[in-house]
Each structure stands twice: as structure tokens, then as C-alpha cells.
Amino acid sequence: MKKLVLAAALSAFAAPALAAAPGTPKGEVIMEPPVIVEETEQASTPAGVIIPLMLIALIAAVAD
């Protein structure tokens, strides 16, 4: 039973030491770049309607 407790204690102390990312020295903090969120402008309604209508008219003209 002592060996089991000793193994559990050693693994508990060894886990954080081995948790660093591979290839980085101990104690080095890995910095992630900040995420920048930009709001996009909504497409104007006429442009959103005119282009599909022109496409439908073009297809109808070619089909005739």
C-alpha cells in the first residue's frame, strides 16, 4: 500500500513538470496572439437584390 501511495504522490508532482509544450524550456510561457474581432458592414439591400436579378435575366435571355 505504501508503494501505491508513493507512486501516486510522485506522479502528482511530476505531472506539472512534464506538462510544458514539447520543445519549450521549463518556465517559458507560451503567449497566444490576441484575437481581433472586426464587425463587417452589411451589404446594401439594392446590391443584394440587383445582382441575382441580373443573373436570372441573363439566364432567361440565354435560354430563349
PDB file of N, CA and C in Angstrom:
ATOM      1  N   MET A   1       0.822  -1.190   0.000  1.00  0.00           N
ATOM      2  CA  MET A   1       0.000   0.000   0.000  1.00  0.00           C
ATOM      3  C   MET A   1       0.870   1.259   0.000  1.00  0.00           C
ATOM      4  N   LYS A   2       2.010   1.176   0.690  1.00  0.00           N
ATOM      5  CA  LYS A   2       2.896   2.333   0.731  1.00  0.00           C
ATOM      6  C   LYS A   2       3.426   2.667  -0.662  1.00  0.00           C
ATOM      7  N   LYS A   3       3.701   1.628  -1.433  1.00  0.00           N
ATOM      8  CA  LYS A   3       4.231   1.866  -2.777  1.00  0.00           C
ATOM      9  C   LYS A   3       3.191   2.551  -3.663  1.00  0.00           C
ATOM     10  N   LEU A   4       1.928   2.188  -3.500  1.00  0.00           N
ATOM     11  CA  LEU A   4       0.870   2.804  -4.274  1.00  0.00           C
ATOM     12  C   LEU A   4       0.722   4.282  -3.926  1.00  0.00           C
ATOM     13  N   VAL A   5       0.767   4.609  -2.653  1.00  0.00           N
ATOM     14  CA  VAL A   5       0.662   5.997  -2.211  1.00  0.00           C
ATOM     15  C   VAL A   5       1.878   6.784  -2.690  1.00  0.00           C
ATOM     16  N   LEU A   6       3.064   6.172  -2.603  1.00  0.00           N
ATOM     17  CA  LEU A   6       4.278   6.841  -3.054  1.00  0.00           C
ATOM     18  C   LEU A   6       4.231   7.086  -4.566  1.00  0.00           C
ATOM     19  N   ALA A   7       3.763   6.113  -5.333  1.00  0.00           N
ATOM     20  CA  ALA A   7       3.656   6.271  -6.784  1.00  0.00           C
ATOM     21  C   ALA A   7       2.647   7.362  -7.134  1.00  0.00           C
ATOM     22  N   ALA A   8       1.531   7.425  -6.424  1.00  0.00           N
ATOM     23  CA  ALA A   8       0.522   8.451  -6.673  1.00  0.00           C
ATOM     24  C   ALA A   8       1.072   9.837  -6.343  1.00  0.00           C
ATOM     25  N   ALA A   9       1.808   9.953  -5.260  1.00  0.00           N
ATOM     26  CA  ALA A   9       2.380  11.247  -4.870  1.00  0.00           C
ATOM     27  C   ALA A   9       3.432  11.699  -5.878  1.00  0.00           C
ATOM     28  N   LEU A  10       4.282  10.786  -6.316  1.00  0.00           N
ATOM     29  CA  LEU A  10       5.311  11.148  -7.285  1.00  0.00           C
ATOM     30  C   LEU A  10       4.698  11.529  -8.632  1.00  0.00           C
ATOM     31  N   SER A  11       3.678  10.815  -9.047  1.00  0.00           N
ATOM     32  CA  SER A  11       3.049  11.164 -10.327  1.00  0.00           C
ATOM     33  C   SER A  11       2.308  12.490 -10.234  1.00  0.00           C
ATOM     34  N   ALA A  12       1.769  12.806  -9.075  1.00  0.00           N
ATOM     35  CA  ALA A  12       1.087  14.088  -8.898  1.00  0.00           C
ATOM     36  C   ALA A  12       2.074  15.243  -8.977  1.00  0.00           C
ATOM     37  N   PHE A  13       3.291  15.048  -8.450  1.00  0.00           N
ATOM     38  CA  PHE A  13       4.295  16.103  -8.517  1.00  0.00           C
ATOM     39  C   PHE A  13       4.991  16.150  -9.872  1.00  0.00           C
ATOM     40  N   ALA A  14       5.059  15.045 -10.578  1.00  0.00           N
ATOM     41  CA  ALA A  14       5.759  15.007 -11.860  1.00  0.00           C
ATOM     42  C   ALA A  14       4.881  15.512 -13.009  1.00  0.00           C
ATOM     43  N   ALA A  15       3.575  15.421 -12.893  1.00  0.00           N
ATOM     44  CA  ALA A  15       2.681  15.803 -13.984  1.00  0.00           C
ATOM     45  C   ALA A  15       2.837  17.264 -14.389  1.00  0.00           C
ATOM     46  N   PRO A  16       2.847  18.222 -13.471  1.00  0.00           N
ATOM     47  CA  PRO A  16       3.011  19.623 -13.908  1.00  0.00           C
ATOM     48  C   PRO A  16       4.378  19.894 -14.537  1.00  0.00           C
ATOM     49  N   ALA A  17       5.394  19.183 -14.111  1.00  0.00           N
ATOM     50  CA  ALA A  17       6.724  19.389 -14.677  1.00  0.00           C
ATOM     51  C   ALA A  17       6.788  18.916 -16.112  1.00  0.00           C
ATOM     52  N   LEU A  18       6.011  17.914 -16.448  1.00  0.00           N
ATOM     53  CA  LEU A  18       6.010  17.377 -17.800  1.00  0.00           C
ATOM     54  C   LEU A  18       4.922  17.993 -18.674  1.00  0.00           C
ATOM     55  N   ALA A  19       4.150  18.919 -18.129  1.00  0.00           N
ATOM     56  CA  ALA A  19       3.011  19.469 -18.868  1.00  0.00           C
ATOM     57  C   ALA A  19       3.397  20.578 -19.833  1.00  0.00           C
ATOM     58  N   ALA A  20       4.641  21.001 -19.854  1.00  0.00           N
ATOM     59  CA  ALA A  20       5.054  22.066 -20.775  1.00  0.00           C
ATOM     60  C   ALA A  20       4.962  21.555 -22.206  1.00  0.00           C
ATOM     61  N   ALA A  21       4.783  22.475 -23.138  1.00  0.00           N
ATOM     62  CA  ALA A  21       4.712  22.103 -24.546  1.00  0.00           C
ATOM     63  C   ALA A  21       6.059  21.543 -24.990  1.00  0.00           C
ATOM     64  N   PRO A  22       6.059  20.569 -25.891  1.00  0.00           N
ATOM     65  CA  PRO A  22       7.321  19.994 -26.340  1.00  0.00           C
ATOM     66  C   PRO A  22       8.197  21.043 -27.030  1.00  0.00           C
ATOM     67  N   GLY A  23       9.460  21.035 -26.725  1.00  0.00           N
ATOM     68  CA  GLY A  23      10.394  21.942 -27.364  1.00  0.00           C
ATOM     69  C   GLY A  23      10.528  23.289 -26.685  1.00  0.00           C
ATOM     70  N   THR A  24       9.802  23.503 -25.586  1.00  0.00           N
ATOM     71  CA  THR A  24       9.935  24.768 -24.868  1.00  0.00           C
ATOM     72  C   THR A  24      10.660  24.517 -23.560  1.00  0.00           C
ATOM     73  N   PRO A  25      11.533  25.418 -23.164  1.00  0.00           N
ATOM     74  CA  PRO A  25      12.219  25.257 -21.888  1.00  0.00           C
ATOM     75  C   PRO A  25      11.250  25.382 -20.722  1.00  0.00           C
ATOM     76  N   LYS A  26      11.614  24.814 -19.597  1.00  0.00           N
ATOM     77  CA  LYS A  26      10.748  24.893 -18.421  1.00  0.00           C
ATOM     78  C   LYS A  26      10.635  26.344 -17.981  1.00  0.00           C
ATOM     79  N   GLY A  27       9.458  26.731 -17.570  1.00  0.00           N
ATOM     80  CA  GLY A  27       9.237  28.070 -17.077  1.00  0.00           C
ATOM     81  C   GLY A  27       8.926  29.082 -18.160  1.00  0.00           C
ATOM     82  N   GLU A  28       9.092  28.721 -19.431  1.00  0.00           N
ATOM     83  CA  GLU A  28       8.782  29.654 -20.511  1.00  0.00           C
ATOM     84  C   GLU A  28       7.280  29.640 -20.759  1.00  0.00           C
ATOM     85  N   VAL A  29       6.707  30.812 -20.803  1.00  0.00           N
ATOM     86  CA  VAL A  29       5.267  30.931 -21.010  1.00  0.00           C
ATOM     87  C   VAL A  29       5.003  31.083 -22.499  1.00  0.00           C
ATOM     88  N   ILE A  30       4.075  30.310 -22.999  1.00  0.00           N
ATOM     89  CA  ILE A  30       3.695  30.392 -24.409  1.00  0.00           C
ATOM     90  C   ILE A  30       2.614  31.456 -24.533  1.00  0.00           C
ATOM     91  N   MET A  31       2.902  32.506 -25.297  1.00  0.00           N
ATOM     92  CA  MET A  31       1.950  33.600 -25.475  1.00  0.00           C
ATOM     93  C   MET A  31       1.155  33.375 -26.751  1.00  0.00           C
ATOM     94  N   GLU A  32      -0.147  33.409 -26.640  1.00  0.00           N
ATOM     95  CA  GLU A  32      -1.023  33.291 -27.796  1.00  0.00           C
ATOM     96  C   GLU A  32      -1.329  34.697 -28.304  1.00  0.00           C
ATOM     97  N   PRO A  33      -1.399  34.890 -29.619  1.00  0.00           N
ATOM     98  CA  PRO A  33      -1.738  36.226 -30.119  1.00  0.00           C
ATOM     99  C   PRO A  33      -3.187  36.568 -29.788  1.00  0.00           C
ATOM    100  N   PRO A  34      -3.459  37.863 -29.553  1.00  0.00           N
ATOM    101  CA  PRO A  34      -4.846  38.232 -29.222  1.00  0.00           C
ATOM    102  C   PRO A  34      -5.758  38.075 -30.435  1.00  0.00           C
ATOM    103  N   VAL A  35      -6.988  37.740 -30.160  1.00  0.00           N
ATOM    104  CA  VAL A  35      -7.984  37.580 -31.223  1.00  0.00           C
ATOM    105  C   VAL A  35      -8.659  38.929 -31.435  1.00  0.00           C
ATOM    106  N   ILE A  36      -8.622  39.410 -32.672  1.00  0.00           N
ATOM    107  CA  ILE A  36      -9.231  40.700 -33.002  1.00  0.00           C
ATOM    108  C   ILE A  36     -10.492  40.434 -33.821  1.00  0.00           C
ATOM    109  N   VAL A  37     -11.601  40.919 -33.328  1.00  0.00           N
ATOM    110  CA  VAL A  37     -12.883  40.713 -33.998  1.00  0.00           C
ATOM    111  C   VAL A  37     -13.296  42.035 -34.630  1.00  0.00           C
ATOM    112  N   GLU A  38     -13.524  42.013 -35.922  1.00  0.00           N
ATOM    113  CA  GLU A  38     -13.970  43.206 -36.625  1.00  0.00           C
ATOM    114  C   GLU A  38     -15.407  42.999 -37.084  1.00  0.00           C
ATOM    115  N   GLU A  39     -16.180  44.038 -36.936  1.00  0.00           N
ATOM    116  CA  GLU A  39     -17.554  43.964 -37.408  1.00  0.00           C
ATOM    117  C   GLU A  39     -17.584  44.319 -38.880  1.00  0.00           C
ATOM    118  N   THR A  40     -18.305  43.531 -39.638  1.00  0.00           N
ATOM    119  CA  THR A  40     -18.401  43.789 -41.078  1.00  0.00           C
ATOM    120  C   THR A  40     -19.653  44.592 -41.360  1.00  0.00           C
ATOM    121  N   GLU A  41     -19.585  45.365 -42.414  1.00  0.00           N
ATOM    122  CA  GLU A  41     -20.744  46.152 -42.800  1.00  0.00           C
ATOM    123  C   GLU A  41     -21.716  45.267 -43.575  1.00  0.00           C
ATOM    124  N   GLN A  42     -22.970  45.534 -43.402  1.00  0.00           N
ATOM    125  CA  GLN A  42     -23.991  44.790 -44.129  1.00  0.00           C
ATOM    126  C   GLN A  42     -24.019  45.264 -45.576  1.00  0.00           C
ATOM    127  N   ALA A  43     -24.219  44.335 -46.483  1.00  0.00           N
ATOM    128  CA  ALA A  43     -24.345  44.712 -47.888  1.00  0.00           C
ATOM    129  C   ALA A  43     -25.634  45.504 -48.060  1.00  0.00           C
ATOM    130  N   SER A  44     -25.573  46.485 -48.911  1.00  0.00           N
ATOM    131  CA  SER A  44     -26.776  47.281 -49.124  1.00  0.00           C
ATOM    132  C   SER A  44     -27.838  46.419 -49.802  1.00  0.00           C
ATOM    133  N   THR A  45     -29.073  46.651 -49.480  1.00  0.00           N
ATOM    134  CA  THR A  45     -30.173  45.839 -49.993  1.00  0.00           C
ATOM    135  C   THR A  45     -30.284  45.887 -51.511  1.00  0.00           C
ATOM    136  N   PRO A  46     -30.168  47.050 -52.162  1.00  0.00           N
ATOM    137  CA  PRO A  46     -30.294  47.049 -53.622  1.00  0.00           C
ATOM    138  C   PRO A  46     -29.205  46.209 -54.302  1.00  0.00           C
ATOM    139  N   ALA A  47     -27.986  46.263 -53.795  1.00  0.00           N
ATOM    140  CA  ALA A  47     -26.922  45.473 -54.412  1.00  0.00           C
ATOM    141  C   ALA A  47     -27.164  43.985 -54.174  1.00  0.00           C
ATOM    142  N   GLY A  48     -27.756  43.659 -53.054  1.00  0.00           N
ATOM    143  CA  GLY A  48     -28.047  42.264 -52.758  1.00  0.00           C
ATOM    144  C   GLY A  48     -29.182  41.703 -53.579  1.00  0.00           C
ATOM    145  N   VAL A  49     -30.016  42.560 -54.138  1.00  0.00           N
ATOM    146  CA  VAL A  49     -31.156  42.119 -54.938  1.00  0.00           C
ATOM    147  C   VAL A  49     -30.858  42.250 -56.427  1.00  0.00           C
ATOM    148  N   ILE A  50     -30.155  43.296 -56.816  1.00  0.00           N
ATOM    149  CA  ILE A  50     -29.935  43.575 -58.238  1.00  0.00           C
ATOM    150  C   ILE A  50     -29.072  42.499 -58.901  1.00  0.00           C
ATOM    151  N   ILE A  51     -28.022  42.079 -58.234  1.00  0.00           N
ATOM    152  CA  ILE A  51     -27.114  41.096 -58.843  1.00  0.00           C
ATOM    153  C   ILE A  51     -27.814  39.771 -59.123  1.00  0.00           C
ATOM    154  N   PRO A  52     -28.564  39.193 -58.194  1.00  0.00           N
ATOM    155  CA  PRO A  52     -29.284  37.953 -58.533  1.00  0.00           C
ATOM    156  C   PRO A  52     -30.340  38.151 -59.618  1.00  0.00           C
ATOM    157  N   LEU A  53     -31.001  39.313 -59.611  1.00  0.00           N
ATOM    158  CA  LEU A  53     -31.988  39.568 -60.661  1.00  0.00           C
ATOM    159  C   LEU A  53     -31.331  39.677 -62.026  1.00  0.00           C
ATOM    160  N   MET A  54     -30.151  40.309 -62.084  1.00  0.00           N
ATOM    161  CA  MET A  54     -29.430  40.393 -63.354  1.00  0.00           C
ATOM    162  C   MET A  54     -28.991  39.002 -63.813  1.00  0.00           C
ATOM    163  N   LEU A  55     -28.596  38.158 -62.885  1.00  0.00           N
ATOM    164  CA  LEU A  55     -28.192  36.795 -63.225  1.00  0.00           C
ATOM    165  C   LEU A  55     -29.378  35.998 -63.775  1.00  0.00           C
ATOM    166  N   ILE A  56     -30.532  36.137 -63.152  1.00  0.00           N
ATOM    167  CA  ILE A  56     -31.738  35.444 -63.629  1.00  0.00           C
ATOM    168  C   ILE A  56     -32.130  35.951 -65.008  1.00  0.00           C
ATOM    169  N   ALA A  57     -32.041  37.274 -65.218  1.00  0.00           N
ATOM    170  CA  ALA A  57     -32.370  37.838 -66.527  1.00  0.00           C
ATOM    171  C   ALA A  57     -31.389  37.356 -67.592  1.00  0.00           C
ATOM    172  N   LEU A  58     -30.112  37.247 -67.252  1.00  0.00           N
ATOM    173  CA  LEU A  58     -29.117  36.754 -68.190  1.00  0.00           C
ATOM    174  C   LEU A  58     -29.376  35.302 -68.564  1.00  0.00           C
ATOM    175  N   ILE A  59     -29.713  34.484 -67.586  1.00  0.00           N
ATOM    176  CA  ILE A  59     -30.004  33.082 -67.859  1.00  0.00           C
ATOM    177  C   ILE A  59     -31.271  32.951 -68.712  1.00  0.00           C
ATOM    178  N   ALA A  60     -32.279  33.779 -68.405  1.00  0.00           N
ATOM    179  CA  ALA A  60     -33.517  33.755 -69.202  1.00  0.00           C
ATOM    180  C   ALA A  60     -33.255  34.200 -70.642  1.00  0.00           C
ATOM    181  N   ALA A  61     -32.378  35.204 -70.824  1.00  0.00           N
ATOM    182  CA  ALA A  61     -32.080  35.679 -72.170  1.00  0.00           C
ATOM    183  C   ALA A  61     -31.316  34.618 -72.964  1.00  0.00           C
ATOM    184  N   VAL A  62     -30.419  33.890 -72.322  1.00  0.00           N
ATOM    185  CA  VAL A  62     -29.655  32.855 -72.988  1.00  0.00           C
ATOM    186  C   VAL A  62     -30.547  31.655 -73.302  1.00  0.00           C
ATOM    187  N   ALA A  63     -31.513  31.365 -72.447  1.00  0.00           N
ATOM    188  CA  ALA A  63     -32.386  30.214 -72.628  1.00  0.00           C
ATOM    189  C   ALA A  63     -33.359  30.413 -73.796  1.00  0.00           C
ATOM    190  N   ASP A  64     -33.677  31.653 -74.136  1.00  0.00           N
ATOM    191  CA  ASP A  64     -34.638  31.897 -75.234  1.00  0.00           C
ATOM    192  C   ASP A  64     -34.056  31.647 -76.568  1.00  0.00           C
TER     193      ASP A  64
END
